[in-house]
Amino acid sequence: LCVGGFIALFSVLLQMLSDLRVFSCLTAPFREGAPIAEAFLCGLLEMTSGCARLAQSPSPLSLALCVCLVTLGGAGVLAQQFAYLSGAGVRFLPFLAVKTAQAALAALIAWALALLCGF
């Protein structure tokens, strides 16, 4: 019930923000890269939607950002994880710092490998 509730909550929140064009306003300065930036912002809230949007414009950057999102999980997955980990005494900020560092390193490796393989 907890996991399903978080999935529903963050899916609805993502749809509301998309309908209000919040992501479009935030990514307007990126011009040509706006679709990728918007997809990444969506993914920071709800990972699967962001990855689906990133897959629509394949490039080394979108691959690296998708790897980052899968590794980090987005706010929805982080909320699910922390709902269970808080009972084990895990503190949120150190957990988030480690997940962020892990996601950044994974994205950097994916980007380098994509360029090396000529993607």
PDB file of N, CA and C in Angstrom:
ATOM      1  N   LEU A   1       0.826  -1.188   0.000  1.00  0.00           N
ATOM      2  CA  LEU A   1       0.000   0.000   0.000  1.00  0.00           C
ATOM      3  C   LEU A   1       0.877   1.261   0.000  1.00  0.00           C
ATOM      4  N   CYS A   2       1.950   1.204   0.764  1.00  0.00           N
ATOM      5  CA  CYS A   2       2.854   2.361   0.843  1.00  0.00           C
ATOM      6  C   CYS A   2       3.499   2.640  -0.520  1.00  0.00           C
ATOM      7  N   VAL A   3       4.020   1.591  -1.142  1.00  0.00           N
ATOM      8  CA  VAL A   3       4.687   1.760  -2.434  1.00  0.00           C
ATOM      9  C   VAL A   3       3.693   2.234  -3.487  1.00  0.00           C
ATOM     10  N   GLY A   4       2.539   1.603  -3.546  1.00  0.00           N
ATOM     11  CA  GLY A   4       1.515   1.997  -4.507  1.00  0.00           C
ATOM     12  C   GLY A   4       1.032   3.426  -4.291  1.00  0.00           C
ATOM     13  N   GLY A   5       0.942   3.823  -3.036  1.00  0.00           N
ATOM     14  CA  GLY A   5       0.540   5.190  -2.717  1.00  0.00           C
ATOM     15  C   GLY A   5       1.543   6.208  -3.219  1.00  0.00           C
ATOM     16  N   PHE A   6       2.829   5.921  -3.034  1.00  0.00           N
ATOM     17  CA  PHE A   6       3.854   6.846  -3.529  1.00  0.00           C
ATOM     18  C   PHE A   6       3.852   6.907  -5.054  1.00  0.00           C
ATOM     19  N   ILE A   7       3.659   5.765  -5.707  1.00  0.00           N
ATOM     20  CA  ILE A   7       3.614   5.747  -7.169  1.00  0.00           C
ATOM     21  C   ILE A   7       2.462   6.617  -7.663  1.00  0.00           C
ATOM     22  N   ALA A   8       1.291   6.442  -7.071  1.00  0.00           N
ATOM     23  CA  ALA A   8       0.127   7.228  -7.470  1.00  0.00           C
ATOM     24  C   ALA A   8       0.338   8.712  -7.184  1.00  0.00           C
ATOM     25  N   LEU A   9       0.848   9.026  -6.001  1.00  0.00           N
ATOM     26  CA  LEU A   9       1.066  10.421  -5.608  1.00  0.00           C
ATOM     27  C   LEU A   9       2.003  11.138  -6.576  1.00  0.00           C
ATOM     28  N   PHE A  10       3.145  10.530  -6.861  1.00  0.00           N
ATOM     29  CA  PHE A  10       4.120  11.197  -7.715  1.00  0.00           C
ATOM     30  C   PHE A  10       3.700  11.202  -9.182  1.00  0.00           C
ATOM     31  N   SER A  11       2.941  10.218  -9.619  1.00  0.00           N
ATOM     32  CA  SER A  11       2.411  10.238 -10.991  1.00  0.00           C
ATOM     33  C   SER A  11       1.414  11.372 -11.164  1.00  0.00           C
ATOM     34  N   VAL A  12       0.540  11.539 -10.188  1.00  0.00           N
ATOM     35  CA  VAL A  12      -0.442  12.622 -10.249  1.00  0.00           C
ATOM     36  C   VAL A  12       0.257  13.978 -10.168  1.00  0.00           C
ATOM     37  N   LEU A  13       1.229  14.105  -9.284  1.00  0.00           N
ATOM     38  CA  LEU A  13       1.974  15.356  -9.152  1.00  0.00           C
ATOM     39  C   LEU A  13       2.697  15.696 -10.456  1.00  0.00           C
ATOM     40  N   LEU A  14       3.311  14.702 -11.075  1.00  0.00           N
ATOM     41  CA  LEU A  14       3.991  14.918 -12.357  1.00  0.00           C
ATOM     42  C   LEU A  14       3.004  15.381 -13.426  1.00  0.00           C
ATOM     43  N   GLN A  15       1.844  14.746 -13.490  1.00  0.00           N
ATOM     44  CA  GLN A  15       0.854  15.131 -14.493  1.00  0.00           C
ATOM     45  C   GLN A  15       0.343  16.543 -14.247  1.00  0.00           C
ATOM     46  N   MET A  16       0.125  16.899 -12.980  1.00  0.00           N
ATOM     47  CA  MET A  16      -0.331  18.257 -12.659  1.00  0.00           C
ATOM     48  C   MET A  16       0.705  19.291 -13.085  1.00  0.00           C
ATOM     49  N   LEU A  17       1.971  19.056 -12.764  1.00  0.00           N
ATOM     50  CA  LEU A  17       3.029  20.000 -13.132  1.00  0.00           C
ATOM     51  C   LEU A  17       3.195  20.080 -14.643  1.00  0.00           C
ATOM     52  N   SER A  18       3.032  18.959 -15.332  1.00  0.00           N
ATOM     53  CA  SER A  18       3.116  18.963 -16.796  1.00  0.00           C
ATOM     54  C   SER A  18       1.953  19.744 -17.401  1.00  0.00           C
ATOM     55  N   ASP A  19       0.750  19.528 -16.877  1.00  0.00           N
ATOM     56  CA  ASP A  19      -0.420  20.255 -17.384  1.00  0.00           C
ATOM     57  C   ASP A  19      -0.294  21.759 -17.158  1.00  0.00           C
ATOM     58  N   LEU A  20       0.337  22.138 -16.060  1.00  0.00           N
ATOM     59  CA  LEU A  20       0.545  23.558 -15.767  1.00  0.00           C
ATOM     60  C   LEU A  20       1.757  24.137 -16.503  1.00  0.00           C
ATOM     61  N   ARG A  21       2.450  23.288 -17.255  1.00  0.00           N
ATOM     62  CA  ARG A  21       3.628  23.663 -18.047  1.00  0.00           C
ATOM     63  C   ARG A  21       4.772  24.223 -17.195  1.00  0.00           C
ATOM     64  N   VAL A  22       4.881  23.723 -15.984  1.00  0.00           N
ATOM     65  CA  VAL A  22       5.953  24.162 -15.081  1.00  0.00           C
ATOM     66  C   VAL A  22       7.311  23.749 -15.651  1.00  0.00           C
ATOM     67  N   PHE A  23       7.406  22.510 -16.145  1.00  0.00           N
ATOM     68  CA  PHE A  23       8.685  22.029 -16.676  1.00  0.00           C
ATOM     69  C   PHE A  23       9.084  22.798 -17.933  1.00  0.00           C
ATOM     70  N   SER A  24       8.104  23.133 -18.769  1.00  0.00           N
ATOM     71  CA  SER A  24       8.399  23.902 -19.988  1.00  0.00           C
ATOM     72  C   SER A  24       8.955  25.277 -19.647  1.00  0.00           C
ATOM     73  N   CYS A  25       8.401  25.901 -18.626  1.00  0.00           N
ATOM     74  CA  CYS A  25       8.887  27.224 -18.201  1.00  0.00           C
ATOM     75  C   CYS A  25      10.308  27.137 -17.654  1.00  0.00           C
ATOM     76  N   LEU A  26      10.577  26.077 -16.873  1.00  0.00           N
ATOM     77  CA  LEU A  26      11.904  25.932 -16.271  1.00  0.00           C
ATOM     78  C   LEU A  26      12.989  25.617 -17.296  1.00  0.00           C
ATOM     79  N   THR A  27      12.608  24.951 -18.382  1.00  0.00           N
ATOM     80  CA  THR A  27      13.613  24.527 -19.363  1.00  0.00           C
ATOM     81  C   THR A  27      13.670  25.423 -20.590  1.00  0.00           C
ATOM     82  N   ALA A  28      12.873  26.469 -20.643  1.00  0.00           N
ATOM     83  CA  ALA A  28      12.862  27.375 -21.798  1.00  0.00           C
ATOM     84  C   ALA A  28      14.234  27.946 -22.140  1.00  0.00           C
ATOM     85  N   PRO A  29      15.080  28.308 -21.160  1.00  0.00           N
ATOM     86  CA  PRO A  29      16.397  28.862 -21.512  1.00  0.00           C
ATOM     87  C   PRO A  29      17.330  27.875 -22.226  1.00  0.00           C
ATOM     88  N   PHE A  30      17.026  26.593 -22.191  1.00  0.00           N
ATOM     89  CA  PHE A  30      17.909  25.601 -22.810  1.00  0.00           C
ATOM     90  C   PHE A  30      17.718  25.483 -24.320  1.00  0.00           C
ATOM     91  N   ARG A  31      16.717  26.142 -24.870  1.00  0.00           N
ATOM     92  CA  ARG A  31      16.379  26.172 -26.299  1.00  0.00           C
ATOM     93  C   ARG A  31      16.371  24.783 -26.929  1.00  0.00           C
ATOM     94  N   GLU A  32      17.434  24.426 -27.656  1.00  0.00           N
ATOM     95  CA  GLU A  32      17.466  23.148 -28.371  1.00  0.00           C
ATOM     96  C   GLU A  32      17.506  21.953 -27.430  1.00  0.00           C
ATOM     97  N   GLY A  33      18.092  22.121 -26.272  1.00  0.00           N
ATOM     98  CA  GLY A  33      18.172  21.027 -25.307  1.00  0.00           C
ATOM     99  C   GLY A  33      16.990  20.963 -24.363  1.00  0.00           C
ATOM    100  N   ALA A  34      15.971  21.794 -24.614  1.00  0.00           N
ATOM    101  CA  ALA A  34      14.815  21.852 -23.707  1.00  0.00           C
ATOM    102  C   ALA A  34      14.088  20.520 -23.567  1.00  0.00           C
ATOM    103  N   PRO A  35      13.876  19.749 -24.647  1.00  0.00           N
ATOM    104  CA  PRO A  35      13.181  18.469 -24.454  1.00  0.00           C
ATOM    105  C   PRO A  35      13.939  17.504 -23.537  1.00  0.00           C
ATOM    106  N   ILE A  36      15.260  17.477 -23.662  1.00  0.00           N
ATOM    107  CA  ILE A  36      16.060  16.603 -22.806  1.00  0.00           C
ATOM    108  C   ILE A  36      16.048  17.118 -21.374  1.00  0.00           C
ATOM    109  N   ALA A  37      16.176  18.420 -21.202  1.00  0.00           N
ATOM    110  CA  ALA A  37      16.139  18.995 -19.858  1.00  0.00           C
ATOM    111  C   ALA A  37      14.779  18.775 -19.204  1.00  0.00           C
ATOM    112  N   GLU A  38      13.708  18.920 -19.975  1.00  0.00           N
ATOM    113  CA  GLU A  38      12.365  18.706 -19.440  1.00  0.00           C
ATOM    114  C   GLU A  38      12.164  17.245 -19.050  1.00  0.00           C
ATOM    115  N   ALA A  39      12.658  16.340 -19.881  1.00  0.00           N
ATOM    116  CA  ALA A  39      12.546  14.915 -19.566  1.00  0.00           C
ATOM    117  C   ALA A  39      13.312  14.578 -18.293  1.00  0.00           C
ATOM    118  N   PHE A  40      14.490  15.176 -18.130  1.00  0.00           N
ATOM    119  CA  PHE A  40      15.284  14.917 -16.926  1.00  0.00           C
ATOM    120  C   PHE A  40      14.579  15.460 -15.681  1.00  0.00           C
ATOM    121  N   LEU A  41      14.020  16.655 -15.775  1.00  0.00           N
ATOM    122  CA  LEU A  41      13.284  17.210 -14.631  1.00  0.00           C
ATOM    123  C   LEU A  41      12.083  16.343 -14.272  1.00  0.00           C
ATOM    124  N   CYS A  42      11.384  15.857 -15.281  1.00  0.00           N
ATOM    125  CA  CYS A  42      10.267  14.939 -15.018  1.00  0.00           C
ATOM    126  C   CYS A  42      10.767  13.680 -14.324  1.00  0.00           C
ATOM    127  N   GLY A  43      11.910  13.194 -14.767  1.00  0.00           N
ATOM    128  CA  GLY A  43      12.499  11.991 -14.179  1.00  0.00           C
ATOM    129  C   GLY A  43      12.957  12.183 -12.749  1.00  0.00           C
ATOM    130  N   LEU A  44      13.356  13.396 -12.410  1.00  0.00           N
ATOM    131  CA  LEU A  44      13.733  13.654 -11.024  1.00  0.00           C
ATOM    132  C   LEU A  44      12.534  13.520 -10.088  1.00  0.00           C
ATOM    133  N   LEU A  45      11.361  13.701 -10.641  1.00  0.00           N
ATOM    134  CA  LEU A  45      10.144  13.532  -9.850  1.00  0.00           C
ATOM    135  C   LEU A  45       9.648  12.090  -9.953  1.00  0.00           C
ATOM    136  N   GLU A  46       9.546  11.560 -11.169  1.00  0.00           N
ATOM    137  CA  GLU A  46       9.036  10.216 -11.392  1.00  0.00           C
ATOM    138  C   GLU A  46       9.902   9.552 -12.457  1.00  0.00           C
ATOM    139  N   MET A  47      10.759   8.649 -12.037  1.00  0.00           N
ATOM    140  CA  MET A  47      11.827   8.091 -12.858  1.00  0.00           C
ATOM    141  C   MET A  47      11.368   7.458 -14.164  1.00  0.00           C
ATOM    142  N   THR A  48      10.346   6.630 -14.137  1.00  0.00           N
ATOM    143  CA  THR A  48       9.965   5.913 -15.357  1.00  0.00           C
ATOM    144  C   THR A  48       9.459   6.852 -16.444  1.00  0.00           C
ATOM    145  N   SER A  49       8.729   7.867 -16.074  1.00  0.00           N
ATOM    146  CA  SER A  49       8.250   8.838 -17.068  1.00  0.00           C
ATOM    147  C   SER A  49       9.413   9.611 -17.676  1.00  0.00           C
ATOM    148  N   GLY A  50      10.365   9.988 -16.852  1.00  0.00           N
ATOM    149  CA  GLY A  50      11.534  10.704 -17.352  1.00  0.00           C
ATOM    150  C   GLY A  50      12.356   9.863 -18.302  1.00  0.00           C
ATOM    151  N   CYS A  51      12.569   8.599 -17.961  1.00  0.00           N
ATOM    152  CA  CYS A  51      13.344   7.714 -18.841  1.00  0.00           C
ATOM    153  C   CYS A  51      12.612   7.472 -20.152  1.00  0.00           C
ATOM    154  N   ALA A  52      11.292   7.333 -20.094  1.00  0.00           N
ATOM    155  CA  ALA A  52      10.513   7.151 -21.321  1.00  0.00           C
ATOM    156  C   ALA A  52      10.654   8.371 -22.225  1.00  0.00           C
ATOM    157  N   ARG A  53      10.643   9.551 -21.643  1.00  0.00           N
ATOM    158  CA  ARG A  53      10.798  10.778 -22.444  1.00  0.00           C
ATOM    159  C   ARG A  53      12.220  10.912 -22.984  1.00  0.00           C
ATOM    160  N   LEU A  54      13.214  10.540 -22.187  1.00  0.00           N
ATOM    161  CA  LEU A  54      14.605  10.610 -22.655  1.00  0.00           C
ATOM    162  C   LEU A  54      14.855   9.642 -23.803  1.00  0.00           C
ATOM    163  N   ALA A  55      14.168   8.518 -23.798  1.00  0.00           N
ATOM    164  CA  ALA A  55      14.352   7.524 -24.860  1.00  0.00           C
ATOM    165  C   ALA A  55      13.854   8.027 -26.211  1.00  0.00           C
ATOM    166  N   GLN A  56      13.042   9.059 -26.212  1.00  0.00           N
ATOM    167  CA  GLN A  56      12.525   9.609 -27.465  1.00  0.00           C
ATOM    168  C   GLN A  56      13.557  10.428 -28.222  1.00  0.00           C
ATOM    169  N   SER A  57      14.644  10.822 -27.558  1.00  0.00           N
ATOM    170  CA  SER A  57      15.704  11.572 -28.245  1.00  0.00           C
ATOM    171  C   SER A  57      17.055  10.941 -27.891  1.00  0.00           C
ATOM    172  N   PRO A  58      17.379   9.818 -28.563  1.00  0.00           N
ATOM    173  CA  PRO A  58      18.601   9.096 -28.221  1.00  0.00           C
ATOM    174  C   PRO A  58      19.872   9.888 -28.543  1.00  0.00           C
ATOM    175  N   SER A  59      20.724   9.992 -27.549  1.00  0.00           N
ATOM    176  CA  SER A  59      22.022  10.647 -27.681  1.00  0.00           C
ATOM    177  C   SER A  59      22.861  10.207 -26.486  1.00  0.00           C
ATOM    178  N   PRO A  60      24.174  10.438 -26.528  1.00  0.00           N
ATOM    179  CA  PRO A  60      24.983  10.094 -25.356  1.00  0.00           C
ATOM    180  C   PRO A  60      24.518  10.813 -24.092  1.00  0.00           C
ATOM    181  N   LEU A  61      24.073  12.060 -24.242  1.00  0.00           N
ATOM    182  CA  LEU A  61      23.610  12.813 -23.085  1.00  0.00           C
ATOM    183  C   LEU A  61      22.323  12.226 -22.514  1.00  0.00           C
ATOM    184  N   SER A  62      21.364  11.912 -23.378  1.00  0.00           N
ATOM    185  CA  SER A  62      20.110  11.352 -22.875  1.00  0.00           C
ATOM    186  C   SER A  62      20.327   9.974 -22.262  1.00  0.00           C
ATOM    187  N   LEU A  63      21.267   9.201 -22.806  1.00  0.00           N
ATOM    188  CA  LEU A  63      21.599   7.903 -22.207  1.00  0.00           C
ATOM    189  C   LEU A  63      22.182   8.097 -20.817  1.00  0.00           C
ATOM    190  N   ALA A  64      23.120   9.029 -20.686  1.00  0.00           N
ATOM    191  CA  ALA A  64      23.735   9.284 -19.376  1.00  0.00           C
ATOM    192  C   ALA A  64      22.718   9.791 -18.364  1.00  0.00           C
ATOM    193  N   LEU A  65      21.816  10.651 -18.804  1.00  0.00           N
ATOM    194  CA  LEU A  65      20.793  11.170 -17.893  1.00  0.00           C
ATOM    195  C   LEU A  65      19.811  10.086 -17.479  1.00  0.00           C
ATOM    196  N   CYS A  66      19.506   9.177 -18.392  1.00  0.00           N
ATOM    197  CA  CYS A  66      18.625   8.053 -18.053  1.00  0.00           C
ATOM    198  C   CYS A  66      19.297   7.131 -17.033  1.00  0.00           C
ATOM    199  N   VAL A  67      20.573   6.880 -17.216  1.00  0.00           N
ATOM    200  CA  VAL A  67      21.323   6.078 -16.239  1.00  0.00           C
ATOM    201  C   VAL A  67      21.325   6.769 -14.884  1.00  0.00           C
ATOM    202  N   CYS A  68      21.491   8.080 -14.892  1.00  0.00           N
ATOM    203  CA  CYS A  68      21.453   8.861 -13.652  1.00  0.00           C
ATOM    204  C   CYS A  68      20.102   8.691 -12.956  1.00  0.00           C
ATOM    205  N   LEU A  69      19.021   8.796 -13.721  1.00  0.00           N
ATOM    206  CA  LEU A  69      17.683   8.670 -13.143  1.00  0.00           C
ATOM    207  C   LEU A  69      17.428   7.267 -12.593  1.00  0.00           C
ATOM    208  N   VAL A  70      17.857   6.255 -13.327  1.00  0.00           N
ATOM    209  CA  VAL A  70      17.650   4.884 -12.860  1.00  0.00           C
ATOM    210  C   VAL A  70      18.445   4.632 -11.581  1.00  0.00           C
ATOM    211  N   THR A  71      19.645   5.170 -11.527  1.00  0.00           N
ATOM    212  CA  THR A  71      20.479   4.975 -10.337  1.00  0.00           C
ATOM    213  C   THR A  71      19.925   5.750  -9.146  1.00  0.00           C
ATOM    214  N   LEU A  72      19.520   6.984  -9.364  1.00  0.00           N
ATOM    215  CA  LEU A  72      18.976   7.800  -8.279  1.00  0.00           C
ATOM    216  C   LEU A  72      17.567   7.363  -7.915  1.00  0.00           C
ATOM    217  N   GLY A  73      16.742   7.173  -8.917  1.00  0.00           N
ATOM    218  CA  GLY A  73      15.390   6.705  -8.693  1.00  0.00           C
ATOM    219  C   GLY A  73      14.324   7.779  -8.746  1.00  0.00           C
ATOM    220  N   GLY A  74      14.676   9.028  -8.674  1.00  0.00           N
ATOM    221  CA  GLY A  74      13.677  10.085  -8.645  1.00  0.00           C
ATOM    222  C   GLY A  74      13.043  10.205  -7.273  1.00  0.00           C
ATOM    223  N   ALA A  75      12.279  11.257  -7.078  1.00  0.00           N
ATOM    224  CA  ALA A  75      11.684  11.528  -5.765  1.00  0.00           C
ATOM    225  C   ALA A  75      10.716  10.433  -5.339  1.00  0.00           C
ATOM    226  N   GLY A  76       9.984   9.872  -6.291  1.00  0.00           N
ATOM    227  CA  GLY A  76       9.039   8.812  -5.962  1.00  0.00           C
ATOM    228  C   GLY A  76       9.717   7.576  -5.393  1.00  0.00           C
ATOM    229  N   VAL A  77      10.783   7.140  -6.045  1.00  0.00           N
ATOM    230  CA  VAL A  77      11.513   5.960  -5.576  1.00  0.00           C
ATOM    231  C   VAL A  77      12.249   6.273  -4.276  1.00  0.00           C
ATOM    232  N   LEU A  78      12.818   7.459  -4.178  1.00  0.00           N
ATOM    233  CA  LEU A  78      13.494   7.841  -2.933  1.00  0.00           C
ATOM    234  C   LEU A  78      12.520   7.837  -1.752  1.00  0.00           C
ATOM    235  N   ALA A  79      11.310   8.320  -1.973  1.00  0.00           N
ATOM    236  CA  ALA A  79      10.305   8.310  -0.908  1.00  0.00           C
ATOM    237  C   ALA A  79       9.948   6.886  -0.513  1.00  0.00           C
ATOM    238  N   GLN A  80       9.819   6.007  -1.494  1.00  0.00           N
ATOM    239  CA  GLN A  80       9.537   4.601  -1.206  1.00  0.00           C
ATOM    240  C   GLN A  80      10.666   3.970  -0.397  1.00  0.00           C
ATOM    241  N   GLN A  81      11.894   4.204  -0.837  1.00  0.00           N
ATOM    242  CA  GLN A  81      13.042   3.633  -0.137  1.00  0.00           C
ATOM    243  C   GLN A  81      13.122   4.146   1.284  1.00  0.00           C
ATOM    244  N   PHE A  82      12.950   5.437   1.447  1.00  0.00           N
ATOM    245  CA  PHE A  82      13.119   6.008   2.779  1.00  0.00           C
ATOM    246  C   PHE A  82      11.986   5.620   3.715  1.00  0.00           C
ATOM    247  N   ALA A  83      10.812   5.351   3.167  1.00  0.00           N
ATOM    248  CA  ALA A  83       9.703   4.906   4.010  1.00  0.00           C
ATOM    249  C   ALA A  83      10.073   3.626   4.757  1.00  0.00           C
ATOM    250  N   TYR A  84      10.862   2.782   4.127  1.00  0.00           N
ATOM    251  CA  TYR A  84      11.277   1.536   4.759  1.00  0.00           C
ATOM    252  C   TYR A  84      12.600   1.677   5.509  1.00  0.00           C
ATOM    253  N   LEU A  85      13.513   2.473   4.962  1.00  0.00           N
ATOM    254  CA  LEU A  85      14.828   2.603   5.587  1.00  0.00           C
ATOM    255  C   LEU A  85      14.806   3.437   6.859  1.00  0.00           C
ATOM    256  N   SER A  86      13.843   4.320   7.004  1.00  0.00           N
ATOM    257  CA  SER A  86      13.790   5.151   8.211  1.00  0.00           C
ATOM    258  C   SER A  86      13.577   4.292   9.456  1.00  0.00           C
ATOM    259  N   GLY A  87      12.872   3.191   9.306  1.00  0.00           N
ATOM    260  CA  GLY A  87      12.677   2.271  10.427  1.00  0.00           C
ATOM    261  C   GLY A  87      13.958   1.593  10.854  1.00  0.00           C
ATOM    262  N   ALA A  88      14.943   1.559   9.978  1.00  0.00           N
ATOM    263  CA  ALA A  88      16.236   0.953  10.288  1.00  0.00           C
ATOM    264  C   ALA A  88      17.230   1.982  10.808  1.00  0.00           C
ATOM    265  N   GLY A  89      16.787   3.225  10.978  1.00  0.00           N
ATOM    266  CA  GLY A  89      17.654   4.257  11.522  1.00  0.00           C
ATOM    267  C   GLY A  89      18.497   4.983  10.491  1.00  0.00           C
ATOM    268  N   VAL A  90      18.202   4.807   9.213  1.00  0.00           N
ATOM    269  CA  VAL A  90      18.956   5.491   8.155  1.00  0.00           C
ATOM    270  C   VAL A  90      18.502   6.942   8.109  1.00  0.00           C
ATOM    271  N   ARG A  91      19.470   7.857   8.124  1.00  0.00           N
ATOM    272  CA  ARG A  91      19.144   9.289   8.033  1.00  0.00           C
ATOM    273  C   ARG A  91      19.033   9.689   6.568  1.00  0.00           C
ATOM    274  N   PHE A  92      18.106  10.608   6.280  1.00  0.00           N
ATOM    275  CA  PHE A  92      17.781  10.939   4.902  1.00  0.00           C
ATOM    276  C   PHE A  92      18.904  11.674   4.170  1.00  0.00           C
ATOM    277  N   LEU A  93      19.475  12.716   4.756  1.00  0.00           N
ATOM    278  CA  LEU A  93      20.475  13.516   4.028  1.00  0.00           C
ATOM    279  C   LEU A  93      21.731  12.729   3.662  1.00  0.00           C
ATOM    280  N   PRO A  94      22.316  11.944   4.561  1.00  0.00           N
ATOM    281  CA  PRO A  94      23.460  11.127   4.127  1.00  0.00           C
ATOM    282  C   PRO A  94      23.070  10.106   3.054  1.00  0.00           C
ATOM    283  N   PHE A  95      21.876   9.528   3.185  1.00  0.00           N
ATOM    284  CA  PHE A  95      21.390   8.576   2.181  1.00  0.00           C
ATOM    285  C   PHE A  95      21.252   9.258   0.818  1.00  0.00           C
ATOM    286  N   LEU A  96      20.666  10.449   0.810  1.00  0.00           N
ATOM    287  CA  LEU A  96      20.495  11.197  -0.437  1.00  0.00           C
ATOM    288  C   LEU A  96      21.845  11.598  -1.033  1.00  0.00           C
ATOM    289  N   ALA A  97      22.794  11.973  -0.187  1.00  0.00           N
ATOM    290  CA  ALA A  97      24.124  12.356  -0.679  1.00  0.00           C
ATOM    291  C   ALA A  97      24.819  11.174  -1.360  1.00  0.00           C
ATOM    292  N   VAL A  98      24.725  10.008  -0.775  1.00  0.00           N
ATOM    293  CA  VAL A  98      25.353   8.817  -1.362  1.00  0.00           C
ATOM    294  C   VAL A  98      24.659   8.439  -2.665  1.00  0.00           C
ATOM    295  N   LYS A  99      23.321   8.473  -2.681  1.00  0.00           N
ATOM    296  CA  LYS A  99      22.584   8.144  -3.900  1.00  0.00           C
ATOM    297  C   LYS A  99      22.902   9.138  -5.024  1.00  0.00           C
ATOM    298  N   THR A 100      23.045  10.413  -4.686  1.00  0.00           N
ATOM    299  CA  THR A 100      23.359  11.436  -5.683  1.00  0.00           C
ATOM    300  C   THR A 100      24.761  11.233  -6.249  1.00  0.00           C
ATOM    301  N   ALA A 101      25.720  10.955  -5.387  1.00  0.00           N
ATOM    302  CA  ALA A 101      27.089  10.698  -5.844  1.00  0.00           C
ATOM    303  C   ALA A 101      27.141   9.447  -6.724  1.00  0.00           C
ATOM    304  N   GLN A 102      26.421   8.420  -6.320  1.00  0.00           N
ATOM    305  CA  GLN A 102      26.361   7.187  -7.102  1.00  0.00           C
ATOM    306  C   GLN A 102      25.741   7.456  -8.481  1.00  0.00           C
ATOM    307  N   ALA A 103      24.678   8.243  -8.528  1.00  0.00           N
ATOM    308  CA  ALA A 103      24.006   8.559  -9.790  1.00  0.00           C
ATOM    309  C   ALA A 103      24.910   9.388 -10.705  1.00  0.00           C
ATOM    310  N   ALA A 104      25.625  10.350 -10.134  1.00  0.00           N
ATOM    311  CA  ALA A 104      26.530  11.184 -10.933  1.00  0.00           C
ATOM    312  C   ALA A 104      27.666  10.350 -11.522  1.00  0.00           C
ATOM    313  N   LEU A 105      28.234   9.465 -10.728  1.00  0.00           N
ATOM    314  CA  LEU A 105      29.314   8.605 -11.214  1.00  0.00           C
ATOM    315  C   LEU A 105      28.809   7.654 -12.295  1.00  0.00           C
ATOM    316  N   ALA A 106      27.638   7.075 -12.099  1.00  0.00           N
ATOM    317  CA  ALA A 106      27.067   6.172 -13.100  1.00  0.00           C
ATOM    318  C   ALA A 106      26.795   6.909 -14.411  1.00  0.00           C
ATOM    319  N   ALA A 107      26.286   8.132 -14.321  1.00  0.00           N
ATOM    320  CA  ALA A 107      26.015   8.925 -15.520  1.00  0.00           C
ATOM    321  C   ALA A 107      27.300   9.269 -16.257  1.00  0.00           C
ATOM    322  N   LEU A 108      28.327   9.624 -15.518  1.00  0.00           N
ATOM    323  CA  LEU A 108      29.619   9.948 -16.136  1.00  0.00           C
ATOM    324  C   LEU A 108      30.209   8.741 -16.857  1.00  0.00           C
ATOM    325  N   ILE A 109      30.139   7.583 -16.239  1.00  0.00           N
ATOM    326  CA  ILE A 109      30.645   6.361 -16.868  1.00  0.00           C
ATOM    327  C   ILE A 109      29.836   6.017 -18.110  1.00  0.00           C
ATOM    328  N   ALA A 110      28.501   6.123 -18.022  1.00  0.00           N
ATOM    329  CA  ALA A 110      27.641   5.822 -19.177  1.00  0.00           C
ATOM    330  C   ALA A 110      27.905   6.781 -20.334  1.00  0.00           C
ATOM    331  N   TRP A 111      28.080   8.067 -20.017  1.00  0.00           N
ATOM    332  CA  TRP A 111      28.356   9.056 -21.055  1.00  0.00           C
ATOM    333  C   TRP A 111      29.692   8.765 -21.747  1.00  0.00           C
ATOM    334  N   ALA A 112      30.711   8.463 -20.954  1.00  0.00           N
ATOM    335  CA  ALA A 112      32.038   8.171 -21.509  1.00  0.00           C
ATOM    336  C   ALA A 112      31.984   6.907 -22.379  1.00  0.00           C
ATOM    337  N   LEU A 113      31.296   5.874 -21.918  1.00  0.00           N
ATOM    338  CA  LEU A 113      31.192   4.649 -22.699  1.00  0.00           C
ATOM    339  C   LEU A 113      30.396   4.853 -23.982  1.00  0.00           C
ATOM    340  N   ALA A 114      29.348   5.689 -23.920  1.00  0.00           N
ATOM    341  CA  ALA A 114      28.559   5.983 -25.117  1.00  0.00           C
ATOM    342  C   ALA A 114      29.410   6.697 -26.158  1.00  0.00           C
ATOM    343  N   LEU A 115      30.220   7.641 -25.721  1.00  0.00           N
ATOM    344  CA  LEU A 115      31.097   8.355 -26.649  1.00  0.00           C
ATOM    345  C   LEU A 115      32.178   7.438 -27.186  1.00  0.00           C
ATOM    346  N   LEU A 116      32.711   6.589 -26.323  1.00  0.00           N
ATOM    347  CA  LEU A 116      33.772   5.663 -26.729  1.00  0.00           C
ATOM    348  C   LEU A 116      33.271   4.648 -27.760  1.00  0.00           C
ATOM    349  N   CYS A 117      32.028   4.224 -27.608  1.00  0.00           N
ATOM    350  CA  CYS A 117      31.448   3.238 -28.535  1.00  0.00           C
ATOM    351  C   CYS A 117      30.839   3.874 -29.776  1.00  0.00           C
ATOM    352  N   GLY A 118      30.877   5.206 -29.849  1.00  0.00           N
ATOM    353  CA  GLY A 118      30.374   5.900 -31.025  1.00  0.00           C
ATOM    354  C   GLY A 118      28.862   5.975 -31.112  1.00  0.00           C
ATOM    355  N   PHE A 119      28.205   6.031 -29.965  1.00  0.00           N
ATOM    356  CA  PHE A 119      26.732   6.086 -29.920  1.00  0.00           C
ATOM    357  C   PHE A 119      26.226   7.390 -30.434  1.00  0.00           C
TER     358      PHE A 119
END
